[in-house]
Amino acid sequence: RIEASLLTDCKAISHGFFTRRGGVSCDVYESLNAGRGSD
């Protein structure tokens, strides 16, 4: 994930702009595909 400093500075919040890395999907979906609407 990528975090924004404005939100990271607040200890009461957890957040993330997740990339496509760190998952189990293959082919065009490699690897952290979170789209239920995909095939």
PDB file of all heavy atoms in Angstrom:
ATOM      1  N   ARG A   1       0.827  -1.204   0.000  1.00  0.00           N
ATOM      2  CA  ARG A   1       0.000   0.000   0.000  1.00  0.00           C
ATOM      3  C   ARG A   1       0.859   1.251   0.000  1.00  0.00           C
ATOM      4  O   ARG A   1       2.022   1.241   0.430  1.00  0.00           O
ATOM      5  CB  ARG A   1      -0.927   0.029   1.211  1.00  0.00           C
ATOM      6  CG  ARG A   1      -0.213   0.051   2.561  1.00  0.00           C
ATOM      7  CD  ARG A   1      -1.197   0.197   3.708  1.00  0.00           C
ATOM      8  NE  ARG A   1      -0.606  -0.188   4.985  1.00  0.00           N
ATOM      9  CZ  ARG A   1      -1.185  -0.005   6.169  1.00  0.00           C
ATOM     10  NH1 ARG A   1      -2.371   0.557   6.238  1.00  0.00           N
ATOM     11  NH2 ARG A   1      -0.591  -0.397   7.277  1.00  0.00           N
ATOM     12  N   ILE A   2       0.256   2.330  -0.460  1.00  0.00           N
ATOM     13  CA  ILE A   2       0.853   3.661  -0.409  1.00  0.00           C
ATOM     14  C   ILE A   2       0.021   4.471   0.574  1.00  0.00           C
ATOM     15  O   ILE A   2      -1.213   4.399   0.570  1.00  0.00           O
ATOM     16  CB  ILE A   2       0.831   4.329  -1.797  1.00  0.00           C
ATOM     17  CG1 ILE A   2       1.610   3.483  -2.804  1.00  0.00           C
ATOM     18  CG2 ILE A   2       1.388   5.740  -1.736  1.00  0.00           C
ATOM     19  CD1 ILE A   2       1.403   3.906  -4.239  1.00  0.00           C
ATOM     20  N   GLU A   3       0.683   5.225   1.421  1.00  0.00           N
ATOM     21  CA  GLU A   3      -0.026   6.033   2.415  1.00  0.00           C
ATOM     22  C   GLU A   3       0.214   7.517   2.173  1.00  0.00           C
ATOM     23  O   GLU A   3       1.262   7.921   1.672  1.00  0.00           O
ATOM     24  CB  GLU A   3       0.418   5.642   3.821  1.00  0.00           C
ATOM     25  CG  GLU A   3       0.068   4.205   4.183  1.00  0.00           C
ATOM     26  CD  GLU A   3       0.601   3.795   5.543  1.00  0.00           C
ATOM     27  OE1 GLU A   3       1.759   3.353   5.607  1.00  0.00           O
ATOM     28  OE2 GLU A   3      -0.141   3.931   6.538  1.00  0.00           O
ATOM     29  N   ALA A   4      -0.771   8.307   2.553  1.00  0.00           N
ATOM     30  CA  ALA A   4      -0.683   9.762   2.454  1.00  0.00           C
ATOM     31  C   ALA A   4      -0.242  10.326   3.790  1.00  0.00           C
ATOM     32  O   ALA A   4      -0.741   9.904   4.839  1.00  0.00           O
ATOM     33  CB  ALA A   4      -2.033  10.350   2.055  1.00  0.00           C
ATOM     34  N   SER A   5       0.677  11.262   3.765  1.00  0.00           N
ATOM     35  CA  SER A   5       1.225  11.785   5.024  1.00  0.00           C
ATOM     36  C   SER A   5       0.160  12.468   5.873  1.00  0.00           C
ATOM     37  O   SER A   5       0.179  12.353   7.105  1.00  0.00           O
ATOM     38  CB  SER A   5       2.379  12.750   4.731  1.00  0.00           C
ATOM     39  OG  SER A   5       1.944  13.840   3.942  1.00  0.00           O
ATOM     40  N   LEU A   6      -0.785  13.159   5.267  1.00  0.00           N
ATOM     41  CA  LEU A   6      -1.819  13.848   6.041  1.00  0.00           C
ATOM     42  C   LEU A   6      -2.658  12.870   6.852  1.00  0.00           C
ATOM     43  O   LEU A   6      -3.091  13.179   7.959  1.00  0.00           O
ATOM     44  CB  LEU A   6      -2.734  14.653   5.119  1.00  0.00           C
ATOM     45  CG  LEU A   6      -2.199  15.990   4.592  1.00  0.00           C
ATOM     46  CD1 LEU A   6      -3.234  16.643   3.666  1.00  0.00           C
ATOM     47  CD2 LEU A   6      -1.860  16.943   5.734  1.00  0.00           C
ATOM     48  N   LEU A   7      -2.905  11.678   6.304  1.00  0.00           N
ATOM     49  CA  LEU A   7      -3.679  10.676   7.020  1.00  0.00           C
ATOM     50  C   LEU A   7      -2.809   9.833   7.939  1.00  0.00           C
ATOM     51  O   LEU A   7      -3.254   9.405   9.007  1.00  0.00           O
ATOM     52  CB  LEU A   7      -4.416   9.773   6.022  1.00  0.00           C
ATOM     53  CG  LEU A   7      -5.464  10.472   5.141  1.00  0.00           C
ATOM     54  CD1 LEU A   7      -6.058   9.484   4.149  1.00  0.00           C
ATOM     55  CD2 LEU A   7      -6.557  11.114   5.983  1.00  0.00           C
ATOM     56  N   THR A   8      -1.568   9.599   7.543  1.00  0.00           N
ATOM     57  CA  THR A   8      -0.652   8.825   8.382  1.00  0.00           C
ATOM     58  C   THR A   8      -0.354   9.545   9.685  1.00  0.00           C
ATOM     59  O   THR A   8      -0.149   8.914  10.728  1.00  0.00           O
ATOM     60  CB  THR A   8       0.668   8.562   7.624  1.00  0.00           C
ATOM     61  OG1 THR A   8       0.378   7.892   6.404  1.00  0.00           O
ATOM     62  CG2 THR A   8       1.609   7.692   8.450  1.00  0.00           C
ATOM     63  N   ASP A   9      -0.350  10.875   9.648  1.00  0.00           N
ATOM     64  CA  ASP A   9      -0.074  11.661  10.849  1.00  0.00           C
ATOM     65  C   ASP A   9      -1.141  11.488  11.918  1.00  0.00           C
ATOM     66  O   ASP A   9      -0.898  11.790  13.091  1.00  0.00           O
ATOM     67  CB  ASP A   9       0.055  13.140  10.490  1.00  0.00           C
ATOM     68  CG  ASP A   9       1.330  13.445   9.710  1.00  0.00           C
ATOM     69  OD1 ASP A   9       2.234  12.589   9.715  1.00  0.00           O
ATOM     70  OD2 ASP A   9       1.409  14.519   9.092  1.00  0.00           O
ATOM     71  N   CYS A  10      -2.318  11.027  11.514  1.00  0.00           N
ATOM     72  CA  CYS A  10      -3.397  10.811  12.480  1.00  0.00           C
ATOM     73  C   CYS A  10      -3.355   9.366  12.959  1.00  0.00           C
ATOM     74  O   CYS A  10      -3.645   8.435  12.198  1.00  0.00           O
ATOM     75  CB  CYS A  10      -4.756  11.118  11.844  1.00  0.00           C
ATOM     76  SG  CYS A  10      -6.123  10.839  12.990  1.00  0.00           S
ATOM     77  N   LYS A  11      -3.011   9.158  14.225  1.00  0.00           N
ATOM     78  CA  LYS A  11      -2.851   7.806  14.765  1.00  0.00           C
ATOM     79  C   LYS A  11      -4.170   7.058  14.895  1.00  0.00           C
ATOM     80  O   LYS A  11      -4.180   5.831  15.054  1.00  0.00           O
ATOM     81  CB  LYS A  11      -2.159   7.869  16.124  1.00  0.00           C
ATOM     82  CG  LYS A  11      -0.803   8.571  16.092  1.00  0.00           C
ATOM     83  CD  LYS A  11       0.133   7.932  15.081  1.00  0.00           C
ATOM     84  CE  LYS A  11       1.493   8.626  15.067  1.00  0.00           C
ATOM     85  NZ  LYS A  11       2.377   8.089  14.003  1.00  0.00           N
ATOM     86  N   ALA A  12      -5.305   7.767  14.814  1.00  0.00           N
ATOM     87  CA  ALA A  12      -6.607   7.123  14.952  1.00  0.00           C
ATOM     88  C   ALA A  12      -7.074   6.483  13.655  1.00  0.00           C
ATOM     89  O   ALA A  12      -8.125   5.841  13.624  1.00  0.00           O
ATOM     90  CB  ALA A  12      -7.644   8.134  15.431  1.00  0.00           C
ATOM     91  N   ILE A  13      -6.293   6.647  12.586  1.00  0.00           N
ATOM     92  CA  ILE A  13      -6.723   6.200  11.262  1.00  0.00           C
ATOM     93  C   ILE A  13      -5.720   5.213  10.673  1.00  0.00           C
ATOM     94  O   ILE A  13      -4.512   5.401  10.771  1.00  0.00           O
ATOM     95  CB  ILE A  13      -6.888   7.406  10.318  1.00  0.00           C
ATOM     96  CG1 ILE A  13      -8.095   8.249  10.748  1.00  0.00           C
ATOM     97  CG2 ILE A  13      -7.053   6.967   8.864  1.00  0.00           C
ATOM     98  CD1 ILE A  13      -8.215   9.549  10.007  1.00  0.00           C
ATOM     99  N   SER A  14      -6.243   4.158  10.042  1.00  0.00           N
ATOM    100  CA  SER A  14      -5.448   3.258   9.214  1.00  0.00           C
ATOM    101  C   SER A  14      -5.982   3.392   7.794  1.00  0.00           C
ATOM    102  O   SER A  14      -7.201   3.447   7.588  1.00  0.00           O
ATOM    103  CB  SER A  14      -5.585   1.815   9.689  1.00  0.00           C
ATOM    104  OG  SER A  14      -4.885   0.921   8.830  1.00  0.00           O
ATOM    105  N   HIS A  15      -5.096   3.485   6.819  1.00  0.00           N
ATOM    106  CA  HIS A  15      -5.564   3.657   5.443  1.00  0.00           C
ATOM    107  C   HIS A  15      -4.537   3.092   4.474  1.00  0.00           C
ATOM    108  O   HIS A  15      -3.409   2.767   4.857  1.00  0.00           O
ATOM    109  CB  HIS A  15      -5.802   5.142   5.137  1.00  0.00           C
ATOM    110  CG  HIS A  15      -4.542   5.901   4.865  1.00  0.00           C
ATOM    111  ND1 HIS A  15      -3.649   6.259   5.867  1.00  0.00           N
ATOM    112  CD2 HIS A  15      -4.003   6.357   3.701  1.00  0.00           C
ATOM    113  CE1 HIS A  15      -2.631   6.901   5.332  1.00  0.00           C
ATOM    114  NE2 HIS A  15      -2.806   6.972   4.015  1.00  0.00           N
ATOM    115  N   GLY A  16      -4.914   3.003   3.231  1.00  0.00           N
ATOM    116  CA  GLY A  16      -3.977   2.575   2.208  1.00  0.00           C
ATOM    117  C   GLY A  16      -4.556   2.714   0.820  1.00  0.00           C
ATOM    118  O   GLY A  16      -5.737   2.425   0.593  1.00  0.00           O
ATOM    119  N   PHE A  17      -3.721   3.207  -0.089  1.00  0.00           N
ATOM    120  CA  PHE A  17      -4.002   3.123  -1.519  1.00  0.00           C
ATOM    121  C   PHE A  17      -3.217   1.904  -1.986  1.00  0.00           C
ATOM    122  O   PHE A  17      -1.996   1.971  -2.178  1.00  0.00           O
ATOM    123  CB  PHE A  17      -3.548   4.390  -2.237  1.00  0.00           C
ATOM    124  CG  PHE A  17      -4.285   5.639  -1.808  1.00  0.00           C
ATOM    125  CD1 PHE A  17      -3.706   6.523  -0.902  1.00  0.00           C
ATOM    126  CD2 PHE A  17      -5.545   5.915  -2.309  1.00  0.00           C
ATOM    127  CE1 PHE A  17      -4.381   7.663  -0.506  1.00  0.00           C
ATOM    128  CE2 PHE A  17      -6.223   7.062  -1.908  1.00  0.00           C
ATOM    129  CZ  PHE A  17      -5.652   7.937  -1.008  1.00  0.00           C
ATOM    130  N   PHE A  18      -3.892   0.779  -2.123  1.00  0.00           N
ATOM    131  CA  PHE A  18      -3.202  -0.470  -2.399  1.00  0.00           C
ATOM    132  C   PHE A  18      -2.811  -0.557  -3.872  1.00  0.00           C
ATOM    133  O   PHE A  18      -3.559  -0.149  -4.759  1.00  0.00           O
ATOM    134  CB  PHE A  18      -4.065  -1.654  -1.978  1.00  0.00           C
ATOM    135  CG  PHE A  18      -4.146  -1.794  -0.482  1.00  0.00           C
ATOM    136  CD1 PHE A  18      -5.104  -1.094   0.241  1.00  0.00           C
ATOM    137  CD2 PHE A  18      -3.240  -2.584   0.203  1.00  0.00           C
ATOM    138  CE1 PHE A  18      -5.168  -1.190   1.627  1.00  0.00           C
ATOM    139  CE2 PHE A  18      -3.289  -2.689   1.588  1.00  0.00           C
ATOM    140  CZ  PHE A  18      -4.252  -1.983   2.302  1.00  0.00           C
ATOM    141  N   THR A  19      -1.625  -1.080  -4.119  1.00  0.00           N
ATOM    142  CA  THR A  19      -1.120  -1.251  -5.473  1.00  0.00           C
ATOM    143  C   THR A  19      -1.591  -2.608  -6.008  1.00  0.00           C
ATOM    144  O   THR A  19      -2.448  -3.250  -5.419  1.00  0.00           O
ATOM    145  CB  THR A  19       0.409  -1.185  -5.502  1.00  0.00           C
ATOM    146  OG1 THR A  19       0.950  -2.398  -4.945  1.00  0.00           O
ATOM    147  CG2 THR A  19       0.931   0.005  -4.702  1.00  0.00           C
ATOM    148  N   ARG A  20      -1.003  -3.055  -7.103  1.00  0.00           N
ATOM    149  CA  ARG A  20      -1.335  -4.370  -7.642  1.00  0.00           C
ATOM    150  C   ARG A  20      -0.397  -5.454  -7.115  1.00  0.00           C
ATOM    151  O   ARG A  20      -0.430  -6.597  -7.582  1.00  0.00           O
ATOM    152  CB  ARG A  20      -1.302  -4.345  -9.170  1.00  0.00           C
ATOM    153  CG  ARG A  20       0.075  -4.090  -9.765  1.00  0.00           C
ATOM    154  CD  ARG A  20       0.013  -4.019 -11.289  1.00  0.00           C
ATOM    155  NE  ARG A  20      -0.417  -5.290 -11.882  1.00  0.00           N
ATOM    156  CZ  ARG A  20      -0.701  -5.446 -13.171  1.00  0.00           C
ATOM    157  NH1 ARG A  20      -0.624  -4.419 -14.004  1.00  0.00           N
ATOM    158  NH2 ARG A  20      -1.067  -6.626 -13.634  1.00  0.00           N
ATOM    159  N   ARG A  21       0.441  -5.135  -6.141  1.00  0.00           N
ATOM    160  CA  ARG A  21       1.439  -6.072  -5.628  1.00  0.00           C
ATOM    161  C   ARG A  21       1.026  -6.684  -4.287  1.00  0.00           C
ATOM    162  O   ARG A  21       0.434  -6.013  -3.453  1.00  0.00           O
ATOM    163  CB  ARG A  21       2.774  -5.362  -5.458  1.00  0.00           C
ATOM    164  CG  ARG A  21       3.372  -4.835  -6.763  1.00  0.00           C
ATOM    165  CD  ARG A  21       4.658  -4.104  -6.519  1.00  0.00           C
ATOM    166  NE  ARG A  21       5.345  -3.732  -7.753  1.00  0.00           N
ATOM    167  CZ  ARG A  21       6.501  -3.084  -7.794  1.00  0.00           C
ATOM    168  NH1 ARG A  21       7.120  -2.750  -6.682  1.00  0.00           N
ATOM    169  NH2 ARG A  21       7.042  -2.786  -8.961  1.00  0.00           N
ATOM    170  N   GLY A  22       1.373  -7.972  -4.140  1.00  0.00           N
ATOM    171  CA  GLY A  22       1.164  -8.634  -2.859  1.00  0.00           C
ATOM    172  C   GLY A  22      -0.036  -9.552  -2.819  1.00  0.00           C
ATOM    173  O   GLY A  22      -0.483  -9.936  -1.735  1.00  0.00           O
ATOM    174  N   GLY A  23      -0.556  -9.937  -4.005  1.00  0.00           N
ATOM    175  CA  GLY A  23      -1.718 -10.806  -4.033  1.00  0.00           C
ATOM    176  C   GLY A  23      -1.444 -12.143  -4.700  1.00  0.00           C
ATOM    177  O   GLY A  23      -0.294 -12.525  -4.898  1.00  0.00           O
ATOM    178  N   VAL A  24      -2.513 -12.838  -5.076  1.00  0.00           N
ATOM    179  CA  VAL A  24      -2.392 -14.197  -5.603  1.00  0.00           C
ATOM    180  C   VAL A  24      -2.929 -14.348  -7.023  1.00  0.00           C
ATOM    181  O   VAL A  24      -2.852 -15.443  -7.592  1.00  0.00           O
ATOM    182  CB  VAL A  24      -3.119 -15.199  -4.675  1.00  0.00           C
ATOM    183  CG1 VAL A  24      -2.500 -15.186  -3.291  1.00  0.00           C
ATOM    184  CG2 VAL A  24      -4.625 -14.914  -4.614  1.00  0.00           C
ATOM    185  N   SER A  25      -3.481 -13.302  -7.607  1.00  0.00           N
ATOM    186  CA  SER A  25      -4.069 -13.413  -8.942  1.00  0.00           C
ATOM    187  C   SER A  25      -2.994 -13.584 -10.014  1.00  0.00           C
ATOM    188  O   SER A  25      -1.833 -13.191  -9.816  1.00  0.00           O
ATOM    189  CB  SER A  25      -4.928 -12.179  -9.256  1.00  0.00           C
ATOM    190  OG  SER A  25      -6.048 -12.116  -8.393  1.00  0.00           O
ATOM    191  N   CYS A  26      -3.401 -14.136 -11.155  1.00  0.00           N
ATOM    192  CA  CYS A  26      -2.461 -14.443 -12.246  1.00  0.00           C
ATOM    193  C   CYS A  26      -2.855 -13.720 -13.528  1.00  0.00           C
ATOM    194  O   CYS A  26      -3.902 -13.092 -13.612  1.00  0.00           O
ATOM    195  CB  CYS A  26      -2.421 -15.951 -12.500  1.00  0.00           C
ATOM    196  SG  CYS A  26      -1.969 -16.944 -11.070  1.00  0.00           S
ATOM    197  N   ASP A  27      -1.966 -13.830 -14.518  1.00  0.00           N
ATOM    198  CA  ASP A  27      -2.192 -13.298 -15.859  1.00  0.00           C
ATOM    199  C   ASP A  27      -2.410 -11.784 -15.813  1.00  0.00           C
ATOM    200  O   ASP A  27      -1.679 -11.096 -15.112  1.00  0.00           O
ATOM    201  CB  ASP A  27      -3.360 -14.033 -16.534  1.00  0.00           C
ATOM    202  CG  ASP A  27      -3.103 -15.532 -16.649  1.00  0.00           C
ATOM    203  OD1 ASP A  27      -1.944 -15.915 -16.904  1.00  0.00           O
ATOM    204  OD2 ASP A  27      -4.053 -16.308 -16.455  1.00  0.00           O
ATOM    205  N   VAL A  28      -3.414 -11.277 -16.524  1.00  0.00           N
ATOM    206  CA  VAL A  28      -3.608  -9.825 -16.584  1.00  0.00           C
ATOM    207  C   VAL A  28      -3.991  -9.247 -15.227  1.00  0.00           C
ATOM    208  O   VAL A  28      -3.922  -8.031 -15.016  1.00  0.00           O
ATOM    209  CB  VAL A  28      -4.679  -9.435 -17.631  1.00  0.00           C
ATOM    210  CG1 VAL A  28      -4.245  -9.830 -19.025  1.00  0.00           C
ATOM    211  CG2 VAL A  28      -6.034 -10.045 -17.285  1.00  0.00           C
ATOM    212  N   TYR A  29      -4.389 -10.114 -14.291  1.00  0.00           N
ATOM    213  CA  TYR A  29      -4.818  -9.649 -12.970  1.00  0.00           C
ATOM    214  C   TYR A  29      -3.683  -9.626 -11.948  1.00  0.00           C
ATOM    215  O   TYR A  29      -3.914  -9.264 -10.790  1.00  0.00           O
ATOM    216  CB  TYR A  29      -5.936 -10.557 -12.445  1.00  0.00           C
ATOM    217  CG  TYR A  29      -7.078 -10.729 -13.407  1.00  0.00           C
ATOM    218  CD1 TYR A  29      -7.285 -11.935 -14.062  1.00  0.00           C
ATOM    219  CD2 TYR A  29      -7.946  -9.679 -13.675  1.00  0.00           C
ATOM    220  CE1 TYR A  29      -8.333 -12.102 -14.949  1.00  0.00           C
ATOM    221  CE2 TYR A  29      -8.998  -9.823 -14.563  1.00  0.00           C
ATOM    222  CZ  TYR A  29      -9.191 -11.040 -15.201  1.00  0.00           C
ATOM    223  OH  TYR A  29     -10.223 -11.195 -16.080  1.00  0.00           O
ATOM    224  N   GLU A  30      -2.493 -10.013 -12.341  1.00  0.00           N
ATOM    225  CA  GLU A  30      -1.376 -10.112 -11.398  1.00  0.00           C
ATOM    226  C   GLU A  30      -1.174  -8.779 -10.662  1.00  0.00           C
ATOM    227  O   GLU A  30      -1.017  -7.740 -11.285  1.00  0.00           O
ATOM    228  CB  GLU A  30      -0.110 -10.486 -12.158  1.00  0.00           C
ATOM    229  CG  GLU A  30       1.063 -10.770 -11.261  1.00  0.00           C
ATOM    230  CD  GLU A  30       2.337 -11.089 -12.043  1.00  0.00           C
ATOM    231  OE1 GLU A  30       2.294 -11.112 -13.294  1.00  0.00           O
ATOM    232  OE2 GLU A  30       3.370 -11.295 -11.401  1.00  0.00           O
ATOM    233  N   SER A  31      -1.184  -8.768  -9.304  1.00  0.00           N
ATOM    234  CA  SER A  31      -1.435  -9.921  -8.464  1.00  0.00           C
ATOM    235  C   SER A  31      -2.476  -9.602  -7.389  1.00  0.00           C
ATOM    236  O   SER A  31      -3.183 -10.490  -6.924  1.00  0.00           O
ATOM    237  CB  SER A  31      -0.121 -10.380  -7.820  1.00  0.00           C
ATOM    238  OG  SER A  31       0.347  -9.486  -6.836  1.00  0.00           O
ATOM    239  N   LEU A  32      -2.623  -8.339  -6.974  1.00  0.00           N
ATOM    240  CA  LEU A  32      -3.553  -7.979  -5.886  1.00  0.00           C
ATOM    241  C   LEU A  32      -4.856  -7.397  -6.452  1.00  0.00           C
ATOM    242  O   LEU A  32      -5.292  -6.318  -6.063  1.00  0.00           O
ATOM    243  CB  LEU A  32      -2.889  -6.995  -4.917  1.00  0.00           C
ATOM    244  CG  LEU A  32      -3.607  -6.740  -3.585  1.00  0.00           C
ATOM    245  CD1 LEU A  32      -3.601  -7.991  -2.710  1.00  0.00           C
ATOM    246  CD2 LEU A  32      -2.970  -5.568  -2.840  1.00  0.00           C
ATOM    247  N   ASN A  33      -5.467  -8.102  -7.378  1.00  0.00           N
ATOM    248  CA  ASN A  33      -6.722  -7.635  -7.959  1.00  0.00           C
ATOM    249  C   ASN A  33      -7.848  -7.727  -6.939  1.00  0.00           C
ATOM    250  O   ASN A  33      -8.146  -8.799  -6.427  1.00  0.00           O
ATOM    251  CB  ASN A  33      -7.071  -8.465  -9.198  1.00  0.00           C
ATOM    252  CG  ASN A  33      -8.440  -8.126  -9.755  1.00  0.00           C
ATOM    253  OD1 ASN A  33      -8.877  -6.975  -9.714  1.00  0.00           O
ATOM    254  ND2 ASN A  33      -9.120  -9.135 -10.283  1.00  0.00           N
ATOM    255  N   ALA A  34      -8.502  -6.587  -6.655  1.00  0.00           N
ATOM    256  CA  ALA A  34      -9.590  -6.550  -5.674  1.00  0.00           C
ATOM    257  C   ALA A  34     -10.944  -6.334  -6.330  1.00  0.00           C
ATOM    258  O   ALA A  34     -11.928  -6.063  -5.646  1.00  0.00           O
ATOM    259  CB  ALA A  34      -9.331  -5.432  -4.656  1.00  0.00           C
ATOM    260  N   GLY A  35     -10.989  -6.455  -7.662  1.00  0.00           N
ATOM    261  CA  GLY A  35     -12.215  -6.156  -8.392  1.00  0.00           C
ATOM    262  C   GLY A  35     -13.158  -7.339  -8.515  1.00  0.00           C
ATOM    263  O   GLY A  35     -12.912  -8.264  -9.289  1.00  0.00           O
ATOM    264  N   ARG A  36     -14.261  -7.300  -7.780  1.00  0.00           N
ATOM    265  CA  ARG A  36     -15.270  -8.350  -7.892  1.00  0.00           C
ATOM    266  C   ARG A  36     -15.931  -8.343  -9.271  1.00  0.00           C
ATOM    267  O   ARG A  36     -16.477  -9.351  -9.704  1.00  0.00           O
ATOM    268  CB  ARG A  36     -16.330  -8.166  -6.804  1.00  0.00           C
ATOM    269  CG  ARG A  36     -15.841  -8.498  -5.405  1.00  0.00           C
ATOM    270  CD  ARG A  36     -16.895  -8.155  -4.383  1.00  0.00           C
ATOM    271  NE  ARG A  36     -16.569  -8.654  -3.053  1.00  0.00           N
ATOM    272  CZ  ARG A  36     -17.221  -8.301  -1.945  1.00  0.00           C
ATOM    273  NH1 ARG A  36     -18.226  -7.440  -2.023  1.00  0.00           N
ATOM    274  NH2 ARG A  36     -16.863  -8.792  -0.773  1.00  0.00           N
ATOM    275  N   GLY A  37     -15.898  -7.214  -9.947  1.00  0.00           N
ATOM    276  CA  GLY A  37     -16.511  -7.106 -11.252  1.00  0.00           C
ATOM    277  C   GLY A  37     -15.638  -7.610 -12.381  1.00  0.00           C
ATOM    278  O   GLY A  37     -16.064  -7.615 -13.539  1.00  0.00           O
ATOM    279  N   SER A  38     -14.433  -8.041 -12.087  1.00  0.00           N
ATOM    280  CA  SER A  38     -13.546  -8.589 -13.116  1.00  0.00           C
ATOM    281  C   SER A  38     -13.868 -10.061 -13.345  1.00  0.00           C
ATOM    282  O   SER A  38     -14.633 -10.673 -12.602  1.00  0.00           O
ATOM    283  CB  SER A  38     -12.080  -8.437 -12.691  1.00  0.00           C
ATOM    284  OG  SER A  38     -11.781  -9.314 -11.620  1.00  0.00           O
ATOM    285  N   ASP A  39     -13.246 -10.624 -14.372  1.00  0.00           N
ATOM    286  CA  ASP A  39     -13.430 -12.051 -14.663  1.00  0.00           C
ATOM    287  C   ASP A  39     -12.360 -12.910 -13.993  1.00  0.00           C
ATOM    288  O   ASP A  39     -12.167 -14.074 -14.353  1.00  0.00           O
ATOM    289  CB  ASP A  39     -13.409 -12.282 -16.173  1.00  0.00           C
ATOM    290  CG  ASP A  39     -14.636 -11.696 -16.859  1.00  0.00           C
ATOM    291  OD1 ASP A  39     -15.707 -11.641 -16.215  1.00  0.00           O
ATOM    292  OD2 ASP A  39     -14.520 -11.273 -18.028  1.00  0.00           O
TER     293      ASP A  39
END
